[in-house]
Structure formats: structure tokens, C-alpha cells
Amino acid sequence: MGVVLSLLAADWGWLSRFPPGERVARLRADETGLWGADAPGLPEGGWTWPRGRHEGRFAVFEFRGVREESGPMGPE
């Protein structure tokens, strides 16, 4: 069984200006420059920062050596 760990860090001063129901969408919207999981060139671990208008407002850390597997705790 594998575990996938990702950490999202965001500038709370910026993100808190949006209503709670819109915050996750702001981190995923195209206009924020957030990358897709299938985008070429993403590192296999470490920090990845968005590109675009909100560059520097949030980032994702992917832990190295953590595997994704199918099963009860992983994607099917």
C-alpha cells in the first residue's frame, strides 16, 4: 500500500480575501498559473511554484520517495 503526500502552502493574506467556497478554485483556476499534474517537466519531489499572475502566492511540495498505488487507499 502506498501513500501520496502533497503540501500546499498559500499566502493567507491573499487567499482569505475570497469566500471559503471559492478558495480552492482560486488555486486551481487557469488564471492563477497553477500547473496540472500531467504537465511536462514537473519535478518528482520538492517545491513547484505556479507561473503567471499569482506567482509567489502559493506552491505545492511533493515528498520524494512516496509512491502512488492502486487499492483501498489509492486511486483506482
Protein backbone atom coordinates (compact mmCIF):
# COMPACT_ATOMS: atom_id res chain seq x y z
CA MET A 1 0.00 0.00 0.00
CA GLY A 2 1.35 3.41 -0.92
CA VAL A 3 0.73 6.91 0.32
CA VAL A 4 0.76 10.13 -1.67
CA LEU A 5 1.73 13.22 0.31
CA SER A 6 1.49 16.76 -1.01
CA LEU A 7 1.69 20.00 0.93
CA LEU A 8 0.05 23.18 -0.34
CA ALA A 9 1.35 26.47 1.08
CA ALA A 10 -0.57 29.66 0.33
CA ASP A 11 -0.36 33.35 1.15
CA TRP A 12 -3.26 33.57 3.62
CA GLY A 13 -3.46 37.36 3.27
CA TRP A 14 -4.29 36.85 -0.41
CA LEU A 15 -6.38 33.67 -0.18
CA SER A 16 -8.51 34.81 2.77
CA ARG A 17 -9.93 37.67 0.67
CA PHE A 18 -12.03 35.13 -1.24
CA PRO A 19 -15.16 33.48 0.19
CA PRO A 20 -14.41 29.99 1.64
CA GLY A 21 -16.29 28.24 -1.16
CA GLU A 22 -14.10 29.91 -3.82
CA ARG A 23 -10.63 29.41 -2.30
CA VAL A 24 -9.77 26.01 -3.77
CA ALA A 25 -10.99 27.15 -7.19
CA ARG A 26 -8.61 30.14 -6.99
CA LEU A 27 -5.70 27.76 -6.50
CA ARG A 28 -6.77 25.65 -9.48
CA ALA A 29 -8.06 28.26 -11.93
CA ASP A 30 -6.16 28.75 -15.17
CA GLU A 31 -5.68 32.45 -14.49
CA THR A 32 -3.58 31.67 -11.40
CA GLY A 33 -0.99 29.85 -13.49
CA LEU A 34 -1.30 26.64 -11.48
CA TRP A 35 0.22 23.64 -13.22
CA GLY A 36 -1.60 20.41 -13.99
CA ALA A 37 -0.48 17.07 -12.58
CA ASP A 38 0.17 15.86 -16.13
CA ALA A 39 2.19 18.92 -17.18
CA PRO A 40 5.62 18.05 -18.60
CA GLY A 41 8.70 18.96 -16.65
CA LEU A 42 7.34 18.79 -13.11
CA PRO A 43 9.90 17.64 -10.55
CA GLU A 44 9.41 14.27 -8.88
CA GLY A 45 9.73 15.90 -5.49
CA GLY A 46 10.31 19.25 -3.87
CA TRP A 47 8.63 22.62 -4.34
CA THR A 48 6.77 23.58 -7.50
CA TRP A 49 5.61 27.18 -7.89
CA PRO A 50 2.82 28.40 -10.18
CA ARG A 51 3.58 30.59 -13.14
CA GLY A 52 1.56 33.63 -14.07
CA ARG A 53 -0.30 36.43 -12.39
CA HIS A 54 -0.32 34.90 -8.88
CA GLU A 55 3.24 33.62 -8.97
CA GLY A 56 4.57 33.62 -5.43
CA ARG A 57 1.11 33.34 -3.82
CA PHE A 58 1.13 29.57 -3.38
CA ALA A 59 3.20 26.44 -4.04
CA VAL A 60 3.00 22.67 -3.73
CA PHE A 61 5.61 20.42 -2.14
CA GLU A 62 5.68 16.81 -3.37
CA PHE A 63 7.50 14.48 -0.99
CA ARG A 64 10.20 12.38 -2.67
CA GLY A 65 10.13 8.62 -2.41
CA VAL A 66 6.40 8.39 -1.75
CA ARG A 67 4.62 6.11 -4.20
CA GLU A 68 1.08 6.08 -5.52
CA GLU A 69 -0.52 2.65 -5.75
CA SER A 70 -3.96 1.33 -6.57
CA GLY A 71 -6.07 -0.15 -3.84
CA PRO A 72 -8.24 0.88 -0.91
CA MET A 73 -6.05 3.85 -0.05
CA GLY A 74 -5.00 4.85 -3.57
CA PRO A 75 -6.63 5.79 -6.86
CA GLU A 76 -8.37 3.14 -8.86
